[in-house]
Amino acid sequence: MPPGKPVNSAKLALVVLGVVLLLAGIVFSLQGANVITGSSPMSGNPTYIYVGAVVAIIGLALLALSSRSGKKPQPPTVAPPPSQ
């Protein structure tokens, strides 16, 4: 980030939350598919494959939302005709 540019805390929060949800969704899905094993009740439970996919999609949506500039494009201004 360039020096002197203010940090948009709402955008930063969306990015952080999006990344956390994306990673959590991936872990949930892998545990549900029994790729990540352990003593968790999630391991080998196919329900968590779907729960993880939904959580990961929500994380991706938040990341996509945070990447939008938030500024609406302004219509081009038309210069007034020269006065005579």
C-alpha atoms as a PDB file:
ATOM      1  CA  MET A   1       0.000   0.000   0.000  1.00  0.00           C
ATOM      2  CA  PRO A   2       1.437   3.399  -0.898  1.00  0.00           C
ATOM      3  CA  PRO A   3       2.502   5.574   2.029  1.00  0.00           C
ATOM      4  CA  GLY A   4      -0.016   8.185   2.990  1.00  0.00           C
ATOM      5  CA  LYS A   5      -2.996   6.264   1.605  1.00  0.00           C
ATOM      6  CA  PRO A   6      -5.609   5.676   4.324  1.00  0.00           C
ATOM      7  CA  VAL A   7      -6.526   2.095   5.145  1.00  0.00           C
ATOM      8  CA  ASN A   8     -10.136   1.205   4.450  1.00  0.00           C
ATOM      9  CA  SER A   9     -10.900  -0.787   7.585  1.00  0.00           C
ATOM     10  CA  ALA A  10     -14.192  -2.173   6.253  1.00  0.00           C
ATOM     11  CA  LYS A  11     -12.468  -3.512   3.145  1.00  0.00           C
ATOM     12  CA  LEU A  12      -9.664  -4.995   5.244  1.00  0.00           C
ATOM     13  CA  ALA A  13     -12.206  -6.674   7.533  1.00  0.00           C
ATOM     14  CA  LEU A  14     -13.958  -8.224   4.514  1.00  0.00           C
ATOM     15  CA  VAL A  15     -10.663  -9.568   3.178  1.00  0.00           C
ATOM     16  CA  VAL A  16      -9.651 -11.067   6.531  1.00  0.00           C
ATOM     17  CA  LEU A  17     -13.088 -12.598   7.124  1.00  0.00           C
ATOM     18  CA  GLY A  18     -13.206 -13.913   3.549  1.00  0.00           C
ATOM     19  CA  VAL A  19      -9.810 -15.615   3.870  1.00  0.00           C
ATOM     20  CA  VAL A  20     -10.696 -17.125   7.253  1.00  0.00           C
ATOM     21  CA  LEU A  21     -14.012 -18.493   5.960  1.00  0.00           C
ATOM     22  CA  LEU A  22     -12.398 -19.830   2.789  1.00  0.00           C
ATOM     23  CA  LEU A  23      -9.712 -21.680   4.746  1.00  0.00           C
ATOM     24  CA  ALA A  24     -12.201 -22.965   7.332  1.00  0.00           C
ATOM     25  CA  GLY A  25     -14.474 -24.216   4.554  1.00  0.00           C
ATOM     26  CA  ILE A  26     -11.610 -26.071   2.913  1.00  0.00           C
ATOM     27  CA  VAL A  27     -10.651 -27.702   6.226  1.00  0.00           C
ATOM     28  CA  PHE A  28     -14.291 -28.639   6.950  1.00  0.00           C
ATOM     29  CA  SER A  29     -14.642 -30.249   3.530  1.00  0.00           C
ATOM     30  CA  LEU A  30     -11.400 -32.168   3.829  1.00  0.00           C
ATOM     31  CA  GLN A  31     -12.356 -33.419   7.287  1.00  0.00           C
ATOM     32  CA  GLY A  32     -15.772 -34.461   6.041  1.00  0.00           C
ATOM     33  CA  ALA A  33     -14.120 -36.353   3.192  1.00  0.00           C
ATOM     34  CA  ASN A  34     -11.788 -38.000   5.751  1.00  0.00           C
ATOM     35  CA  VAL A  35      -8.697 -36.557   4.040  1.00  0.00           C
ATOM     36  CA  ILE A  36      -7.770 -34.818   7.292  1.00  0.00           C
ATOM     37  CA  THR A  37      -8.268 -37.423   9.983  1.00  0.00           C
ATOM     38  CA  GLY A  38      -8.390 -37.061  13.712  1.00  0.00           C
ATOM     39  CA  SER A  39     -10.577 -37.562  16.718  1.00  0.00           C
ATOM     40  CA  SER A  40     -12.995 -34.882  15.551  1.00  0.00           C
ATOM     41  CA  PRO A  41     -16.641 -35.858  15.038  1.00  0.00           C
ATOM     42  CA  MET A  42     -16.351 -34.055  11.692  1.00  0.00           C
ATOM     43  CA  SER A  43     -13.884 -36.623  10.338  1.00  0.00           C
ATOM     44  CA  GLY A  44     -15.555 -38.927   7.864  1.00  0.00           C
ATOM     45  CA  ASN A  45     -18.951 -37.229   8.215  1.00  0.00           C
ATOM     46  CA  PRO A  46     -20.161 -36.343   4.693  1.00  0.00           C
ATOM     47  CA  THR A  47     -22.366 -33.532   6.027  1.00  0.00           C
ATOM     48  CA  TYR A  48     -19.248 -31.455   6.583  1.00  0.00           C
ATOM     49  CA  ILE A  49     -18.245 -31.765   2.940  1.00  0.00           C
ATOM     50  CA  TYR A  50     -21.321 -29.715   2.057  1.00  0.00           C
ATOM     51  CA  VAL A  51     -21.089 -27.397   5.061  1.00  0.00           C
ATOM     52  CA  GLY A  52     -17.460 -26.703   4.168  1.00  0.00           C
ATOM     53  CA  ALA A  53     -18.329 -26.006   0.550  1.00  0.00           C
ATOM     54  CA  VAL A  54     -20.982 -23.473   1.586  1.00  0.00           C
ATOM     55  CA  VAL A  55     -18.611 -21.782   4.042  1.00  0.00           C
ATOM     56  CA  ALA A  56     -15.863 -21.622   1.388  1.00  0.00           C
ATOM     57  CA  ILE A  57     -18.279 -20.113  -1.159  1.00  0.00           C
ATOM     58  CA  ILE A  58     -19.305 -17.463   1.364  1.00  0.00           C
ATOM     59  CA  GLY A  59     -15.617 -16.693   1.918  1.00  0.00           C
ATOM     60  CA  LEU A  60     -15.067 -16.345  -1.830  1.00  0.00           C
ATOM     61  CA  ALA A  61     -18.087 -14.054  -2.096  1.00  0.00           C
ATOM     62  CA  LEU A  62     -16.696 -11.813   0.643  1.00  0.00           C
ATOM     63  CA  LEU A  63     -13.336 -11.685  -1.120  1.00  0.00           C
ATOM     64  CA  ALA A  64     -15.042 -10.764  -4.384  1.00  0.00           C
ATOM     65  CA  LEU A  65     -17.080  -8.111  -2.596  1.00  0.00           C
ATOM     66  CA  SER A  66     -13.966  -6.642  -1.008  1.00  0.00           C
ATOM     67  CA  SER A  67     -12.186  -6.407  -4.353  1.00  0.00           C
ATOM     68  CA  ARG A  68     -14.813  -4.039  -5.747  1.00  0.00           C
ATOM     69  CA  SER A  69     -13.677  -0.450  -5.660  1.00  0.00           C
ATOM     70  CA  GLY A  70     -16.886   0.870  -4.160  1.00  0.00           C
ATOM     71  CA  LYS A  71     -16.842   3.892  -6.414  1.00  0.00           C
ATOM     72  CA  LYS A  72     -19.472   4.336  -9.059  1.00  0.00           C
ATOM     73  CA  PRO A  73     -18.073   5.432 -12.389  1.00  0.00           C
ATOM     74  CA  GLN A  74     -18.877   9.046 -13.120  1.00  0.00           C
ATOM     75  CA  PRO A  75     -20.433   9.901 -16.472  1.00  0.00           C
ATOM     76  CA  PRO A  76     -18.130  11.890 -18.708  1.00  0.00           C
ATOM     77  CA  THR A  77     -18.545  15.606 -18.413  1.00  0.00           C
ATOM     78  CA  VAL A  78     -19.341  17.555 -21.516  1.00  0.00           C
ATOM     79  CA  ALA A  79     -17.573  20.869 -21.890  1.00  0.00           C
ATOM     80  CA  PRO A  80     -19.887  23.798 -22.558  1.00  0.00           C
ATOM     81  CA  PRO A  81     -19.668  25.294 -26.016  1.00  0.00           C
ATOM     82  CA  PRO A  82     -17.320  28.267 -26.276  1.00  0.00           C
ATOM     83  CA  SER A  83     -19.038  31.588 -25.795  1.00  0.00           C
ATOM     84  CA  GLN A  84     -18.981  34.099 -28.603  1.00  0.00           C
END
